[in-house]
Amino acid sequence: MKTSFIFSEVLSGLRRNLSMIISVILVTFVSLLFIGAAILLQMQIGGMKDYWYDRVQVAVFLCPPDSEAPTCADGEATQEQKDAIEAALGSPDLDDYVQEVHFEDKATAHRLFEEQFEGTSLEGTVPQDQMQESFRIQLDDPEQYGIINEYFSATPGVEEVVDQNRLLDQLFRILNIATAAAVGIAGIMTLCAVLLIATTIRLSAFTRRRETGIMRLVGASNLFIQLPFILEGILAAALGSVLAGIVLGVGVHFGVSGWLQSRMAGVNLVTVGDVAVVTPILIAVGVIMAGASSWLTLRRYMKV
């Protein structure tokens, strides 16, 4: 098999069908861009779960002065009620579940509120005396929230028991929906890429039907005849895959590492290194997709 002849045929096919090849590159680029974004998003979700689930707490919010909760009928939580709640958290009944407890008074809650909303329209809108006191509980097993909720839900002086895990689950549910949407769009675009690759290969084979007929007459093998066409599709898809990896890398470098990371200090976001791991996967998907589509098209339409 003459390698130089095969590559000359590949270059000839690329020149003859340049506009179609560019279309294949662009469609492959878009489809694999969505696939890569979905993979990175799932990597980010996994990393955030590992980070936050080890840090989330159960918050036992104490009664403020104007609460309408049945357990707050006597008004704001008294010091006696606070002492009773603290004693219960340190009791043998909860000792196996509670890892750490700290009390957040109004001053601390107000300071944290101001830090969280610094520079926004909410900064300075809530006075310190209107902040709600709470006990912040770190559990040995975050899944044991129900025990704390059941223990304190009817306790005088406790307005509400909040599990931060549930708030995070809502966030992760939204991110998973975004991932599913990206995968859905990627699937549609991948189908478009497969059909376009098949059309391009058929067009290329049609324009060279005389040459392939002569090759069959002189005893050329099926692989020798098909390989230039298959390589055309693979090359176009590989270029689209590499382009998708480059765009993902640029987006992550400037959008995530450069902009978002500074606003989410302490949270490990995806990096260009993660893109470097994902890009070979995208190239492999593109090459396999193009190779399979080209081979099946040639088997059906060239009948060699």
C-alpha atoms as a PDB file:
ATOM      1  CA  MET A   1       0.000   0.000   0.000  1.00  0.00           C
ATOM      2  CA  LYS A   2       1.551   3.315  -1.094  1.00  0.00           C
ATOM      3  CA  THR A   3       1.211   5.833   1.674  1.00  0.00           C
ATOM      4  CA  SER A   4       2.073   8.795  -0.558  1.00  0.00           C
ATOM      5  CA  PHE A   5      -0.704   7.893  -2.986  1.00  0.00           C
ATOM      6  CA  ILE A   6      -3.279   7.613  -0.204  1.00  0.00           C
ATOM      7  CA  PHE A   7      -2.372  10.993   1.262  1.00  0.00           C
ATOM      8  CA  SER A   8      -2.389  12.620  -2.163  1.00  0.00           C
ATOM      9  CA  GLU A   9      -5.918  11.282  -2.641  1.00  0.00           C
ATOM     10  CA  VAL A  10      -6.910  12.647   0.760  1.00  0.00           C
ATOM     11  CA  LEU A  11      -5.581  16.117  -0.100  1.00  0.00           C
ATOM     12  CA  SER A  12      -7.289  15.975  -3.483  1.00  0.00           C
ATOM     13  CA  GLY A  13     -10.600  15.141  -1.831  1.00  0.00           C
ATOM     14  CA  LEU A  14     -10.198  17.941   0.680  1.00  0.00           C
ATOM     15  CA  ARG A  15      -9.582  20.469  -2.093  1.00  0.00           C
ATOM     16  CA  ARG A  16     -12.549  19.288  -4.151  1.00  0.00           C
ATOM     17  CA  ASN A  17     -14.990  19.411  -1.241  1.00  0.00           C
ATOM     18  CA  LEU A  18     -13.532  22.281   0.775  1.00  0.00           C
ATOM     19  CA  SER A  19     -16.859  23.909   1.652  1.00  0.00           C
ATOM     20  CA  MET A  20     -18.333  20.588   2.816  1.00  0.00           C
ATOM     21  CA  ILE A  21     -15.212  19.801   4.831  1.00  0.00           C
ATOM     22  CA  ILE A  22     -15.435  23.200   6.551  1.00  0.00           C
ATOM     23  CA  SER A  23     -19.083  22.459   7.347  1.00  0.00           C
ATOM     24  CA  VAL A  24     -18.097  19.094   8.879  1.00  0.00           C
ATOM     25  CA  ILE A  25     -15.429  20.802  10.986  1.00  0.00           C
ATOM     26  CA  LEU A  26     -17.888  23.421  12.266  1.00  0.00           C
ATOM     27  CA  VAL A  27     -20.723  21.002  13.022  1.00  0.00           C
ATOM     28  CA  THR A  28     -18.331  18.605  14.761  1.00  0.00           C
ATOM     29  CA  PHE A  29     -16.880  21.538  16.694  1.00  0.00           C
ATOM     30  CA  VAL A  30     -20.314  22.649  17.958  1.00  0.00           C
ATOM     31  CA  SER A  31     -21.474  19.141  18.893  1.00  0.00           C
ATOM     32  CA  LEU A  32     -18.260  18.272  20.749  1.00  0.00           C
ATOM     33  CA  LEU A  33     -18.207  21.692  22.391  1.00  0.00           C
ATOM     34  CA  PHE A  34     -21.522  20.855  24.062  1.00  0.00           C
ATOM     35  CA  ILE A  35     -20.292  17.368  24.958  1.00  0.00           C
ATOM     36  CA  GLY A  36     -17.133  18.834  26.504  1.00  0.00           C
ATOM     37  CA  ALA A  37     -19.155  21.448  28.389  1.00  0.00           C
ATOM     38  CA  ALA A  38     -21.426  18.722  29.765  1.00  0.00           C
ATOM     39  CA  ILE A  39     -18.429  16.664  30.917  1.00  0.00           C
ATOM     40  CA  LEU A  40     -16.815  19.680  32.587  1.00  0.00           C
ATOM     41  CA  LEU A  41     -20.096  20.616  34.241  1.00  0.00           C
ATOM     42  CA  GLN A  42     -20.433  17.123  35.705  1.00  0.00           C
ATOM     43  CA  MET A  43     -16.818  17.291  36.902  1.00  0.00           C
ATOM     44  CA  GLN A  44     -17.633  20.617  38.577  1.00  0.00           C
ATOM     45  CA  ILE A  45     -20.783  19.224  40.198  1.00  0.00           C
ATOM     46  CA  GLY A  46     -18.817  16.285  41.581  1.00  0.00           C
ATOM     47  CA  GLY A  47     -16.122  18.582  42.947  1.00  0.00           C
ATOM     48  CA  MET A  48     -18.647  20.945  44.519  1.00  0.00           C
ATOM     49  CA  LYS A  49     -20.477  18.054  46.180  1.00  0.00           C
ATOM     50  CA  ASP A  50     -17.226  16.801  47.699  1.00  0.00           C
ATOM     51  CA  TYR A  51     -16.400  20.327  48.880  1.00  0.00           C
ATOM     52  CA  TRP A  52     -19.758  21.467  50.234  1.00  0.00           C
ATOM     53  CA  TYR A  53     -21.146  18.245  51.676  1.00  0.00           C
ATOM     54  CA  ASP A  54     -18.210  18.153  54.096  1.00  0.00           C
ATOM     55  CA  ARG A  55     -18.930  21.720  55.186  1.00  0.00           C
ATOM     56  CA  VAL A  56     -22.703  22.086  55.241  1.00  0.00           C
ATOM     57  CA  GLN A  57     -24.403  22.486  58.580  1.00  0.00           C
ATOM     58  CA  VAL A  58     -27.825  22.124  60.095  1.00  0.00           C
ATOM     59  CA  ALA A  59     -29.047  25.491  61.335  1.00  0.00           C
ATOM     60  CA  VAL A  60     -31.417  25.662  64.315  1.00  0.00           C
ATOM     61  CA  PHE A  61     -32.890  29.166  64.019  1.00  0.00           C
ATOM     62  CA  LEU A  62     -34.165  30.674  67.257  1.00  0.00           C
ATOM     63  CA  CYS A  63     -37.380  32.634  67.554  1.00  0.00           C
ATOM     64  CA  PRO A  64     -37.186  36.316  66.572  1.00  0.00           C
ATOM     65  CA  PRO A  65     -39.526  38.825  68.258  1.00  0.00           C
ATOM     66  CA  ASP A  66     -42.220  38.818  65.543  1.00  0.00           C
ATOM     67  CA  SER A  67     -42.342  35.122  64.572  1.00  0.00           C
ATOM     68  CA  GLU A  68     -45.716  33.442  64.007  1.00  0.00           C
ATOM     69  CA  ALA A  69     -44.403  29.884  64.538  1.00  0.00           C
ATOM     70  CA  PRO A  70     -46.297  27.891  67.220  1.00  0.00           C
ATOM     71  CA  THR A  71     -43.049  27.321  69.140  1.00  0.00           C
ATOM     72  CA  CYS A  72     -42.502  31.087  69.284  1.00  0.00           C
ATOM     73  CA  ALA A  73     -45.760  31.983  71.038  1.00  0.00           C
ATOM     74  CA  ASP A  74     -43.823  33.584  73.911  1.00  0.00           C
ATOM     75  CA  GLY A  75     -41.858  35.860  71.569  1.00  0.00           C
ATOM     76  CA  GLU A  76     -38.102  36.002  71.157  1.00  0.00           C
ATOM     77  CA  ALA A  77     -36.118  33.050  72.459  1.00  0.00           C
ATOM     78  CA  THR A  78     -35.085  33.545  76.069  1.00  0.00           C
ATOM     79  CA  GLN A  79     -31.718  32.800  77.585  1.00  0.00           C
ATOM     80  CA  GLU A  80     -33.229  29.830  79.427  1.00  0.00           C
ATOM     81  CA  GLN A  81     -34.473  28.357  76.146  1.00  0.00           C
ATOM     82  CA  LYS A  82     -31.069  28.867  74.544  1.00  0.00           C
ATOM     83  CA  ASP A  83     -29.386  27.099  77.455  1.00  0.00           C
ATOM     84  CA  ALA A  84     -31.854  24.217  77.182  1.00  0.00           C
ATOM     85  CA  ILE A  85     -31.184  23.822  73.439  1.00  0.00           C
ATOM     86  CA  GLU A  86     -27.426  23.932  73.977  1.00  0.00           C
ATOM     87  CA  ALA A  87     -27.691  21.334  76.720  1.00  0.00           C
ATOM     88  CA  ALA A  88     -29.769  19.089  74.469  1.00  0.00           C
ATOM     89  CA  LEU A  89     -27.171  19.315  71.703  1.00  0.00           C
ATOM     90  CA  GLY A  90     -24.529  18.142  74.147  1.00  0.00           C
ATOM     91  CA  SER A  91     -26.653  15.383  75.639  1.00  0.00           C
ATOM     92  CA  PRO A  92     -25.896  11.643  75.231  1.00  0.00           C
ATOM     93  CA  ASP A  93     -28.976  11.331  72.981  1.00  0.00           C
ATOM     94  CA  LEU A  94     -27.319  13.416  70.238  1.00  0.00           C
ATOM     95  CA  ASP A  95     -23.677  12.814  71.037  1.00  0.00           C
ATOM     96  CA  ASP A  96     -23.350  10.103  68.377  1.00  0.00           C
ATOM     97  CA  TYR A  97     -24.696  12.421  65.667  1.00  0.00           C
ATOM     98  CA  VAL A  98     -23.337  15.876  66.480  1.00  0.00           C
ATOM     99  CA  GLN A  99     -19.714  16.611  65.614  1.00  0.00           C
ATOM    100  CA  GLU A 100     -19.511  20.307  66.444  1.00  0.00           C
ATOM    101  CA  VAL A 101     -21.837  23.103  67.568  1.00  0.00           C
ATOM    102  CA  HIS A 102     -21.352  26.835  67.632  1.00  0.00           C
ATOM    103  CA  PHE A 103     -23.750  29.629  68.512  1.00  0.00           C
ATOM    104  CA  GLU A 104     -24.234  32.489  66.051  1.00  0.00           C
ATOM    105  CA  ASP A 105     -25.456  35.621  67.835  1.00  0.00           C
ATOM    106  CA  LYS A 106     -26.994  38.679  66.208  1.00  0.00           C
ATOM    107  CA  ALA A 107     -23.690  40.515  65.883  1.00  0.00           C
ATOM    108  CA  THR A 108     -22.015  37.586  64.136  1.00  0.00           C
ATOM    109  CA  ALA A 109     -25.034  36.994  61.889  1.00  0.00           C
ATOM    110  CA  HIS A 110     -25.091  40.700  60.943  1.00  0.00           C
ATOM    111  CA  ARG A 111     -21.362  40.739  60.169  1.00  0.00           C
ATOM    112  CA  LEU A 112     -21.660  37.645  57.953  1.00  0.00           C
ATOM    113  CA  PHE A 113     -24.689  39.144  56.208  1.00  0.00           C
ATOM    114  CA  GLU A 114     -22.834  42.358  55.437  1.00  0.00           C
ATOM    115  CA  GLU A 115     -19.817  40.422  54.148  1.00  0.00           C
ATOM    116  CA  GLN A 116     -21.980  38.243  51.922  1.00  0.00           C
ATOM    117  CA  PHE A 117     -23.891  41.117  50.351  1.00  0.00           C
ATOM    118  CA  GLU A 118     -21.118  43.709  50.322  1.00  0.00           C
ATOM    119  CA  GLY A 119     -21.403  45.949  47.299  1.00  0.00           C
ATOM    120  CA  THR A 120     -25.021  44.960  46.569  1.00  0.00           C
ATOM    121  CA  SER A 121     -28.332  46.724  47.120  1.00  0.00           C
ATOM    122  CA  LEU A 122     -28.908  44.599  50.247  1.00  0.00           C
ATOM    123  CA  GLU A 123     -25.855  45.932  52.049  1.00  0.00           C
ATOM    124  CA  GLY A 124     -26.890  47.940  55.107  1.00  0.00           C
ATOM    125  CA  THR A 125     -30.619  47.213  54.732  1.00  0.00           C
ATOM    126  CA  VAL A 126     -30.997  44.970  57.791  1.00  0.00           C
ATOM    127  CA  PRO A 127     -30.127  46.355  61.246  1.00  0.00           C
ATOM    128  CA  GLN A 128     -28.306  44.142  63.701  1.00  0.00           C
ATOM    129  CA  ASP A 129     -31.229  43.852  66.142  1.00  0.00           C
ATOM    130  CA  GLN A 130     -33.361  42.231  63.428  1.00  0.00           C
ATOM    131  CA  MET A 131     -30.895  39.442  62.721  1.00  0.00           C
ATOM    132  CA  GLN A 132     -31.824  35.927  63.802  1.00  0.00           C
ATOM    133  CA  GLU A 133     -29.727  33.954  66.247  1.00  0.00           C
ATOM    134  CA  SER A 134     -29.026  30.294  65.550  1.00  0.00           C
ATOM    135  CA  PHE A 135     -27.099  27.202  66.529  1.00  0.00           C
ATOM    136  CA  ARG A 136     -24.922  25.868  63.687  1.00  0.00           C
ATOM    137  CA  ILE A 137     -24.492  22.100  63.915  1.00  0.00           C
ATOM    138  CA  GLN A 138     -21.908  20.032  62.083  1.00  0.00           C
ATOM    139  CA  LEU A 139     -23.088  16.415  61.857  1.00  0.00           C
ATOM    140  CA  ASP A 140     -20.926  13.321  61.680  1.00  0.00           C
ATOM    141  CA  ASP A 141     -23.240  12.098  58.912  1.00  0.00           C
ATOM    142  CA  PRO A 142     -25.050  14.868  56.944  1.00  0.00           C
ATOM    143  CA  GLU A 143     -27.764  12.352  56.065  1.00  0.00           C
ATOM    144  CA  GLN A 144     -28.874  12.318  59.726  1.00  0.00           C
ATOM    145  CA  TYR A 145     -30.556  15.721  59.440  1.00  0.00           C
ATOM    146  CA  GLY A 146     -33.954  14.144  60.185  1.00  0.00           C
ATOM    147  CA  ILE A 147     -32.911  13.277  63.729  1.00  0.00           C
ATOM    148  CA  ILE A 148     -32.012  16.898  64.543  1.00  0.00           C
ATOM    149  CA  ASN A 149     -35.171  18.168  62.861  1.00  0.00           C
ATOM    150  CA  GLU A 150     -37.378  15.743  64.787  1.00  0.00           C
ATOM    151  CA  TYR A 151     -35.634  16.518  68.071  1.00  0.00           C
ATOM    152  CA  PHE A 152     -35.971  20.330  67.862  1.00  0.00           C
ATOM    153  CA  SER A 153     -38.929  21.011  65.547  1.00  0.00           C
ATOM    154  CA  ALA A 154     -41.327  21.278  68.495  1.00  0.00           C
ATOM    155  CA  THR A 155     -38.868  22.784  71.007  1.00  0.00           C
ATOM    156  CA  PRO A 156     -39.923  26.131  72.521  1.00  0.00           C
ATOM    157  CA  GLY A 157     -37.675  28.915  71.287  1.00  0.00           C
ATOM    158  CA  VAL A 158     -36.873  27.186  67.979  1.00  0.00           C
ATOM    159  CA  GLU A 159     -38.553  28.706  64.932  1.00  0.00           C
ATOM    160  CA  GLU A 160     -37.110  26.467  62.221  1.00  0.00           C
ATOM    161  CA  VAL A 161     -34.533  23.762  61.547  1.00  0.00           C
ATOM    162  CA  VAL A 162     -32.849  24.153  58.151  1.00  0.00           C
ATOM    163  CA  ASP A 163     -30.682  21.586  56.417  1.00  0.00           C
ATOM    164  CA  GLN A 164     -28.251  23.295  54.052  1.00  0.00           C
ATOM    165  CA  ASN A 165     -27.907  20.019  52.155  1.00  0.00           C
ATOM    166  CA  ARG A 166     -31.382  20.547  50.779  1.00  0.00           C
ATOM    167  CA  LEU A 167     -30.465  23.977  49.477  1.00  0.00           C
ATOM    168  CA  LEU A 168     -27.416  22.491  47.775  1.00  0.00           C
ATOM    169  CA  ASP A 169     -29.483  19.665  46.308  1.00  0.00           C
ATOM    170  CA  GLN A 170     -31.682  22.251  44.597  1.00  0.00           C
ATOM    171  CA  LEU A 171     -28.589  23.924  43.137  1.00  0.00           C
ATOM    172  CA  PHE A 172     -27.155  20.615  41.923  1.00  0.00           C
ATOM    173  CA  ARG A 173     -30.543  19.676  40.460  1.00  0.00           C
ATOM    174  CA  ILE A 174     -30.493  22.859  38.368  1.00  0.00           C
ATOM    175  CA  LEU A 175     -26.926  22.153  37.253  1.00  0.00           C
ATOM    176  CA  ASN A 176     -27.890  18.592  36.303  1.00  0.00           C
ATOM    177  CA  ILE A 177     -30.761  19.949  34.209  1.00  0.00           C
ATOM    178  CA  ALA A 178     -28.263  22.243  32.468  1.00  0.00           C
ATOM    179  CA  THR A 179     -26.033  19.223  31.846  1.00  0.00           C
ATOM    180  CA  ALA A 180     -28.946  17.258  30.385  1.00  0.00           C
ATOM    181  CA  ALA A 181     -29.801  20.200  28.113  1.00  0.00           C
ATOM    182  CA  ALA A 182     -26.186  20.384  26.921  1.00  0.00           C
ATOM    183  CA  VAL A 183     -26.166  16.628  26.252  1.00  0.00           C
ATOM    184  CA  GLY A 184     -29.448  16.892  24.355  1.00  0.00           C
ATOM    185  CA  ILE A 185     -28.146  19.688  22.132  1.00  0.00           C
ATOM    186  CA  ALA A 186     -24.890  17.774  21.680  1.00  0.00           C
ATOM    187  CA  GLY A 187     -26.848  14.690  20.598  1.00  0.00           C
ATOM    188  CA  ILE A 188     -28.769  16.647  17.961  1.00  0.00           C
ATOM    189  CA  MET A 189     -25.609  18.305  16.679  1.00  0.00           C
ATOM    190  CA  THR A 190     -23.767  14.960  16.648  1.00  0.00           C
ATOM    191  CA  LEU A 191     -26.534  13.486  14.501  1.00  0.00           C
ATOM    192  CA  CYS A 192     -26.184  16.464  12.153  1.00  0.00           C
ATOM    193  CA  ALA A 193     -22.414  15.901  12.051  1.00  0.00           C
ATOM    194  CA  VAL A 194     -22.838  12.182  11.226  1.00  0.00           C
ATOM    195  CA  LEU A 195     -25.291  12.955   8.396  1.00  0.00           C
ATOM    196  CA  LEU A 196     -23.056  15.709   7.050  1.00  0.00           C
ATOM    197  CA  ILE A 197     -19.989  13.464   7.136  1.00  0.00           C
ATOM    198  CA  ALA A 198     -21.922  10.764   5.279  1.00  0.00           C
ATOM    199  CA  THR A 199     -23.053  13.284   2.645  1.00  0.00           C
ATOM    200  CA  THR A 200     -19.526  14.635   2.248  1.00  0.00           C
ATOM    201  CA  ILE A 201     -18.061  11.149   1.791  1.00  0.00           C
ATOM    202  CA  ARG A 202     -20.763  10.238  -0.740  1.00  0.00           C
ATOM    203  CA  LEU A 203     -20.057  13.430  -2.689  1.00  0.00           C
ATOM    204  CA  SER A 204     -16.322  12.782  -2.590  1.00  0.00           C
ATOM    205  CA  ALA A 205     -16.798   9.180  -3.741  1.00  0.00           C
ATOM    206  CA  PHE A 206     -19.124  10.310  -6.542  1.00  0.00           C
ATOM    207  CA  THR A 207     -16.663  12.869  -7.908  1.00  0.00           C
ATOM    208  CA  ARG A 208     -13.948  10.177  -7.983  1.00  0.00           C
ATOM    209  CA  ARG A 209     -16.055   7.280  -9.214  1.00  0.00           C
ATOM    210  CA  ARG A 210     -13.951   6.949 -12.371  1.00  0.00           C
ATOM    211  CA  GLU A 211     -10.701   6.624 -10.409  1.00  0.00           C
ATOM    212  CA  THR A 212     -12.162   4.113  -7.964  1.00  0.00           C
ATOM    213  CA  GLY A 213     -13.561   2.084 -10.881  1.00  0.00           C
ATOM    214  CA  ILE A 214     -10.108   1.861 -12.428  1.00  0.00           C
ATOM    215  CA  MET A 215      -8.614   0.869  -9.058  1.00  0.00           C
ATOM    216  CA  ARG A 216     -11.118  -1.986  -8.765  1.00  0.00           C
ATOM    217  CA  LEU A 217     -10.262  -3.192 -12.267  1.00  0.00           C
ATOM    218  CA  VAL A 218      -6.561  -3.389 -11.467  1.00  0.00           C
ATOM    219  CA  GLY A 219      -7.247  -5.428  -8.314  1.00  0.00           C
ATOM    220  CA  ALA A 220      -6.953  -2.819  -5.571  1.00  0.00           C
ATOM    221  CA  SER A 221      -8.289  -4.011  -2.220  1.00  0.00           C
ATOM    222  CA  ASN A 222     -11.409  -2.564  -0.643  1.00  0.00           C
ATOM    223  CA  LEU A 223      -9.333  -1.040   2.157  1.00  0.00           C
ATOM    224  CA  PHE A 224      -7.017   0.676  -0.316  1.00  0.00           C
ATOM    225  CA  ILE A 225      -9.986   2.217  -2.127  1.00  0.00           C
ATOM    226  CA  GLN A 226     -11.907   3.239   0.980  1.00  0.00           C
ATOM    227  CA  LEU A 227      -9.064   4.527   3.140  1.00  0.00           C
ATOM    228  CA  PRO A 228      -8.619   7.984   1.506  1.00  0.00           C
ATOM    229  CA  PHE A 229     -12.327   8.740   1.962  1.00  0.00           C
ATOM    230  CA  ILE A 230     -12.323   7.542   5.554  1.00  0.00           C
ATOM    231  CA  LEU A 231      -9.258   9.643   6.329  1.00  0.00           C
ATOM    232  CA  GLU A 232     -10.987  12.728   4.897  1.00  0.00           C
ATOM    233  CA  GLY A 233     -13.851  12.359   7.363  1.00  0.00           C
ATOM    234  CA  ILE A 234     -11.537  11.549  10.265  1.00  0.00           C
ATOM    235  CA  LEU A 235      -9.284  14.537   9.541  1.00  0.00           C
ATOM    236  CA  ALA A 236     -12.220  16.953   9.364  1.00  0.00           C
ATOM    237  CA  ALA A 237     -13.738  15.588  12.588  1.00  0.00           C
ATOM    238  CA  ALA A 238     -10.362  15.652  14.359  1.00  0.00           C
ATOM    239  CA  LEU A 239      -9.909  19.311  13.455  1.00  0.00           C
ATOM    240  CA  GLY A 240     -13.379  20.097  14.785  1.00  0.00           C
ATOM    241  CA  SER A 241     -12.568  18.180  17.991  1.00  0.00           C
ATOM    242  CA  VAL A 242      -9.306  20.038  18.532  1.00  0.00           C
ATOM    243  CA  LEU A 243     -11.073  23.349  17.888  1.00  0.00           C
ATOM    244  CA  ALA A 244     -13.712  22.444  20.496  1.00  0.00           C
ATOM    245  CA  GLY A 245     -10.950  21.655  23.017  1.00  0.00           C
ATOM    246  CA  ILE A 246      -9.208  24.960  22.306  1.00  0.00           C
ATOM    247  CA  VAL A 247     -12.409  26.994  22.718  1.00  0.00           C
ATOM    248  CA  LEU A 248     -13.235  25.164  25.961  1.00  0.00           C
ATOM    249  CA  GLY A 249      -9.730  25.857  27.241  1.00  0.00           C
ATOM    250  CA  VAL A 250      -9.973  29.560  26.401  1.00  0.00           C
ATOM    251  CA  GLY A 251     -13.421  29.789  27.974  1.00  0.00           C
ATOM    252  CA  VAL A 252     -12.313  28.065  31.177  1.00  0.00           C
ATOM    253  CA  HIS A 253      -9.091  30.095  31.403  1.00  0.00           C
ATOM    254  CA  PHE A 254     -10.722  33.499  31.061  1.00  0.00           C
ATOM    255  CA  GLY A 255     -14.292  32.818  32.194  1.00  0.00           C
ATOM    256  CA  VAL A 256     -13.832  30.365  35.057  1.00  0.00           C
ATOM    257  CA  SER A 257     -10.241  30.628  36.301  1.00  0.00           C
ATOM    258  CA  GLY A 258      -9.903  34.323  35.465  1.00  0.00           C
ATOM    259  CA  TRP A 259     -13.329  35.713  36.418  1.00  0.00           C
ATOM    260  CA  LEU A 260     -15.510  33.257  38.347  1.00  0.00           C
ATOM    261  CA  GLN A 261     -12.767  31.872  40.606  1.00  0.00           C
ATOM    262  CA  SER A 262     -12.091  35.314  42.098  1.00  0.00           C
ATOM    263  CA  ARG A 263     -15.773  35.555  43.063  1.00  0.00           C
ATOM    264  CA  MET A 264     -15.922  32.057  44.540  1.00  0.00           C
ATOM    265  CA  ALA A 265     -12.793  31.998  46.660  1.00  0.00           C
ATOM    266  CA  GLY A 266     -12.301  28.726  48.476  1.00  0.00           C
ATOM    267  CA  VAL A 267     -14.222  26.657  45.929  1.00  0.00           C
ATOM    268  CA  ASN A 268     -12.174  24.581  43.517  1.00  0.00           C
ATOM    269  CA  LEU A 269     -13.541  25.212  40.023  1.00  0.00           C
ATOM    270  CA  VAL A 270     -12.619  23.400  36.829  1.00  0.00           C
ATOM    271  CA  THR A 271      -9.313  24.455  35.299  1.00  0.00           C
ATOM    272  CA  VAL A 272      -7.500  24.289  31.992  1.00  0.00           C
ATOM    273  CA  GLY A 273      -5.934  21.077  33.305  1.00  0.00           C
ATOM    274  CA  ASP A 274      -9.400  19.520  33.363  1.00  0.00           C
ATOM    275  CA  VAL A 275      -9.919  20.663  29.780  1.00  0.00           C
ATOM    276  CA  ALA A 276      -6.639  18.957  28.861  1.00  0.00           C
ATOM    277  CA  VAL A 277      -8.088  15.725  30.265  1.00  0.00           C
ATOM    278  CA  VAL A 278     -11.394  16.149  28.408  1.00  0.00           C
ATOM    279  CA  THR A 279      -9.926  17.144  25.010  1.00  0.00           C
ATOM    280  CA  PRO A 280      -8.470  13.683  24.156  1.00  0.00           C
ATOM    281  CA  ILE A 281     -11.905  12.236  24.900  1.00  0.00           C
ATOM    282  CA  LEU A 282     -13.482  14.695  22.472  1.00  0.00           C
ATOM    283  CA  ILE A 283     -10.903  13.858  19.799  1.00  0.00           C
ATOM    284  CA  ALA A 284     -11.517  10.129  20.285  1.00  0.00           C
ATOM    285  CA  VAL A 285     -15.295  10.643  20.018  1.00  0.00           C
ATOM    286  CA  GLY A 286     -14.887  12.739  16.871  1.00  0.00           C
ATOM    287  CA  VAL A 287     -12.509  10.265  15.202  1.00  0.00           C
ATOM    288  CA  ILE A 288     -14.666   7.240  16.018  1.00  0.00           C
ATOM    289  CA  MET A 289     -17.817   9.036  14.886  1.00  0.00           C
ATOM    290  CA  ALA A 290     -16.270  10.122  11.592  1.00  0.00           C
ATOM    291  CA  GLY A 291     -14.534   6.808  10.926  1.00  0.00           C
ATOM    292  CA  ALA A 292     -17.669   4.748  11.561  1.00  0.00           C
ATOM    293  CA  SER A 293     -19.898   7.081   9.547  1.00  0.00           C
ATOM    294  CA  SER A 294     -17.480   7.128   6.615  1.00  0.00           C
ATOM    295  CA  TRP A 295     -16.997   3.360   6.586  1.00  0.00           C
ATOM    296  CA  LEU A 296     -20.720   2.592   6.718  1.00  0.00           C
ATOM    297  CA  THR A 297     -21.417   5.119   3.967  1.00  0.00           C
ATOM    298  CA  LEU A 298     -18.780   3.624   1.693  1.00  0.00           C
ATOM    299  CA  ARG A 299     -20.059   0.081   2.267  1.00  0.00           C
ATOM    300  CA  ARG A 300     -23.558   1.125   1.281  1.00  0.00           C
ATOM    301  CA  TYR A 301     -22.957   3.467  -1.638  1.00  0.00           C
ATOM    302  CA  MET A 302     -19.703   2.290  -3.198  1.00  0.00           C
ATOM    303  CA  LYS A 303     -20.509  -1.417  -2.816  1.00  0.00           C
ATOM    304  CA  VAL A 304     -16.868  -2.399  -2.720  1.00  0.00           C
END
